[in-house]
Amino acid sequence: MGKPLTAEEIKKLTIGLRGYVINLRIGMDNPRYRQLILWFPDLPEPLKPDNLIGRIVEIRWKNKVFRGKIYRKHGKKYVRAMLEKPIPGQVLVETHNVVVEIVG
């Protein structure tokens, strides 16, 4: 194994990384519209989803911007993000028009 990555190296690798909205986080009775499950398929080789925790993510859909923060891992490949404003459910239907990007 190589040496662990520094925080600055991780930041350089993650800025501009694009991903997909998989689903809302669904509770027992209703979905939580501020919490999303995201997937980043083109994650560079030394990175894992654990390295994305704490990053600011921006979701663009129909000239609207939703900002949030990745706060937890969800399984092996996915992460959860908490948004500042709730996201409409139509985002899940039009996934090809949604841009998820790490900005910070």
C-alpha atoms as a PDB file:
ATOM      1  CA  MET A   1       0.000   0.000   0.000  1.00  0.00           C
ATOM      2  CA  GLY A   2       1.106   3.535  -0.665  1.00  0.00           C
ATOM      3  CA  LYS A   3       1.087   6.388   1.764  1.00  0.00           C
ATOM      4  CA  PRO A   4      -2.312   7.884   2.672  1.00  0.00           C
ATOM      5  CA  LEU A   5      -3.520  10.930   0.772  1.00  0.00           C
ATOM      6  CA  THR A   6      -3.375  14.357   2.403  1.00  0.00           C
ATOM      7  CA  ALA A   7      -6.452  16.576   2.675  1.00  0.00           C
ATOM      8  CA  GLU A   8      -5.096  18.855  -0.070  1.00  0.00           C
ATOM      9  CA  GLU A   9      -4.586  15.923  -2.485  1.00  0.00           C
ATOM     10  CA  ILE A  10      -8.108  14.653  -1.805  1.00  0.00           C
ATOM     11  CA  LYS A  11      -9.541  18.117  -2.455  1.00  0.00           C
ATOM     12  CA  LYS A  12      -7.739  18.363  -5.820  1.00  0.00           C
ATOM     13  CA  LEU A  13      -9.093  14.966  -6.900  1.00  0.00           C
ATOM     14  CA  THR A  14     -12.696  15.625  -5.851  1.00  0.00           C
ATOM     15  CA  ILE A  15     -13.354  19.187  -7.086  1.00  0.00           C
ATOM     16  CA  GLY A  16     -15.395  18.996 -10.300  1.00  0.00           C
ATOM     17  CA  LEU A  17     -16.283  15.331  -9.832  1.00  0.00           C
ATOM     18  CA  ARG A  18     -19.701  14.525 -11.356  1.00  0.00           C
ATOM     19  CA  GLY A  19     -22.238  12.015 -10.150  1.00  0.00           C
ATOM     20  CA  TYR A  20     -25.875  10.923 -10.191  1.00  0.00           C
ATOM     21  CA  VAL A  21     -28.897  11.241  -7.911  1.00  0.00           C
ATOM     22  CA  ILE A  22     -29.950   7.682  -7.077  1.00  0.00           C
ATOM     23  CA  ASN A  23     -32.922   8.352  -4.817  1.00  0.00           C
ATOM     24  CA  LEU A  24     -34.261  10.323  -1.910  1.00  0.00           C
ATOM     25  CA  ARG A  25     -33.577   8.910   1.510  1.00  0.00           C
ATOM     26  CA  ILE A  26     -36.865   7.184   2.295  1.00  0.00           C
ATOM     27  CA  GLY A  27     -38.101   6.805   5.854  1.00  0.00           C
ATOM     28  CA  MET A  28     -40.788   4.602   7.319  1.00  0.00           C
ATOM     29  CA  ASP A  29     -43.699   6.885   6.403  1.00  0.00           C
ATOM     30  CA  ASN A  30     -42.431   9.438   3.903  1.00  0.00           C
ATOM     31  CA  PRO A  31     -39.362  10.452   1.898  1.00  0.00           C
ATOM     32  CA  ARG A  32     -36.958  13.023   3.262  1.00  0.00           C
ATOM     33  CA  TYR A  33     -36.750  15.589   0.480  1.00  0.00           C
ATOM     34  CA  ARG A  34     -33.608  17.240   1.866  1.00  0.00           C
ATOM     35  CA  GLN A  35     -31.577  14.024   1.981  1.00  0.00           C
ATOM     36  CA  LEU A  36     -30.330  12.386  -1.212  1.00  0.00           C
ATOM     37  CA  ILE A  37     -28.388   9.265  -2.075  1.00  0.00           C
ATOM     38  CA  LEU A  38     -25.660  10.086  -4.608  1.00  0.00           C
ATOM     39  CA  TRP A  39     -23.322   7.947  -6.712  1.00  0.00           C
ATOM     40  CA  PHE A  40     -20.025   9.054  -8.238  1.00  0.00           C
ATOM     41  CA  PRO A  41     -19.049   6.356 -10.791  1.00  0.00           C
ATOM     42  CA  ASP A  42     -15.826   8.042 -11.973  1.00  0.00           C
ATOM     43  CA  LEU A  43     -14.190   8.207  -8.561  1.00  0.00           C
ATOM     44  CA  PRO A  44     -10.391   8.284  -9.061  1.00  0.00           C
ATOM     45  CA  GLU A  45      -8.573   5.098  -8.041  1.00  0.00           C
ATOM     46  CA  PRO A  46      -7.028   6.095  -4.686  1.00  0.00           C
ATOM     47  CA  LEU A  47     -10.305   7.606  -3.434  1.00  0.00           C
ATOM     48  CA  LYS A  48     -13.187   5.880  -1.677  1.00  0.00           C
ATOM     49  CA  PRO A  49     -16.657   7.242  -0.855  1.00  0.00           C
ATOM     50  CA  ASP A  50     -15.332   7.876   2.670  1.00  0.00           C
ATOM     51  CA  ASN A  51     -13.095  10.611   1.250  1.00  0.00           C
ATOM     52  CA  LEU A  52     -16.127  12.566  -0.020  1.00  0.00           C
ATOM     53  CA  ILE A  53     -17.604  13.166   3.439  1.00  0.00           C
ATOM     54  CA  GLY A  54     -17.663  16.880   4.248  1.00  0.00           C
ATOM     55  CA  ARG A  55     -17.531  18.003   0.596  1.00  0.00           C
ATOM     56  CA  ILE A  56     -20.027  20.576  -0.695  1.00  0.00           C
ATOM     57  CA  VAL A  57     -22.170  19.337  -3.557  1.00  0.00           C
ATOM     58  CA  GLU A  58     -24.231  21.342  -6.050  1.00  0.00           C
ATOM     59  CA  ILE A  59     -27.214  19.895  -7.928  1.00  0.00           C
ATOM     60  CA  ARG A  60     -28.396  21.760 -11.038  1.00  0.00           C
ATOM     61  CA  TRP A  61     -31.801  21.062 -12.551  1.00  0.00           C
ATOM     62  CA  LYS A  62     -33.946  23.327 -14.789  1.00  0.00           C
ATOM     63  CA  ASN A  63     -32.006  26.522 -13.990  1.00  0.00           C
ATOM     64  CA  LYS A  64     -32.298  25.833 -10.261  1.00  0.00           C
ATOM     65  CA  VAL A  65     -29.364  25.152  -7.987  1.00  0.00           C
ATOM     66  CA  PHE A  66     -29.572  23.082  -4.814  1.00  0.00           C
ATOM     67  CA  ARG A  67     -26.540  23.093  -2.526  1.00  0.00           C
ATOM     68  CA  GLY A  68     -25.739  20.677   0.225  1.00  0.00           C
ATOM     69  CA  LYS A  69     -23.071  18.736   2.020  1.00  0.00           C
ATOM     70  CA  ILE A  70     -22.104  15.072   1.901  1.00  0.00           C
ATOM     71  CA  TYR A  71     -22.451  13.862   5.461  1.00  0.00           C
ATOM     72  CA  ARG A  72     -22.290  10.064   5.431  1.00  0.00           C
ATOM     73  CA  LYS A  73     -21.496   6.952   3.427  1.00  0.00           C
ATOM     74  CA  HIS A  74     -24.433   4.808   2.249  1.00  0.00           C
ATOM     75  CA  GLY A  75     -23.319   1.240   1.588  1.00  0.00           C
ATOM     76  CA  LYS A  76     -20.098   0.574  -0.326  1.00  0.00           C
ATOM     77  CA  LYS A  77     -20.478   2.863  -3.350  1.00  0.00           C
ATOM     78  CA  TYR A  78     -22.948   5.583  -2.378  1.00  0.00           C
ATOM     79  CA  VAL A  79     -22.999   8.667  -0.159  1.00  0.00           C
ATOM     80  CA  ARG A  80     -25.751  10.688   1.496  1.00  0.00           C
ATOM     81  CA  ALA A  81     -26.058  14.437   1.087  1.00  0.00           C
ATOM     82  CA  MET A  82     -28.113  16.889   3.145  1.00  0.00           C
ATOM     83  CA  LEU A  83     -29.422  19.822   1.106  1.00  0.00           C
ATOM     84  CA  GLU A  84     -30.229  23.340   2.298  1.00  0.00           C
ATOM     85  CA  LYS A  85     -33.589  23.379   0.468  1.00  0.00           C
ATOM     86  CA  PRO A  86     -35.818  20.390  -0.336  1.00  0.00           C
ATOM     87  CA  ILE A  87     -35.590  19.038  -3.867  1.00  0.00           C
ATOM     88  CA  PRO A  88     -38.665  18.343  -6.039  1.00  0.00           C
ATOM     89  CA  GLY A  89     -39.504  14.714  -6.755  1.00  0.00           C
ATOM     90  CA  GLN A  90     -39.388  15.308 -10.539  1.00  0.00           C
ATOM     91  CA  VAL A  91     -35.593  15.308 -10.265  1.00  0.00           C
ATOM     92  CA  LEU A  92     -35.702  11.528  -9.871  1.00  0.00           C
ATOM     93  CA  VAL A  93     -37.656  11.103 -13.124  1.00  0.00           C
ATOM     94  CA  GLU A  94     -35.413  13.387 -15.200  1.00  0.00           C
ATOM     95  CA  THR A  95     -32.048  12.062 -14.071  1.00  0.00           C
ATOM     96  CA  HIS A  96     -30.432  12.675 -17.475  1.00  0.00           C
ATOM     97  CA  ASN A  97     -31.027  16.450 -17.026  1.00  0.00           C
ATOM     98  CA  VAL A  98     -29.587  16.648 -13.508  1.00  0.00           C
ATOM     99  CA  VAL A  99     -25.965  17.647 -12.892  1.00  0.00           C
ATOM    100  CA  VAL A 100     -24.435  16.680  -9.546  1.00  0.00           C
ATOM    101  CA  GLU A 101     -21.018  18.214  -9.005  1.00  0.00           C
ATOM    102  CA  ILE A 102     -18.667  18.571  -6.041  1.00  0.00           C
ATOM    103  CA  VAL A 103     -17.703  22.233  -5.702  1.00  0.00           C
ATOM    104  CA  GLY A 104     -15.875  22.405  -2.416  1.00  0.00           C
END
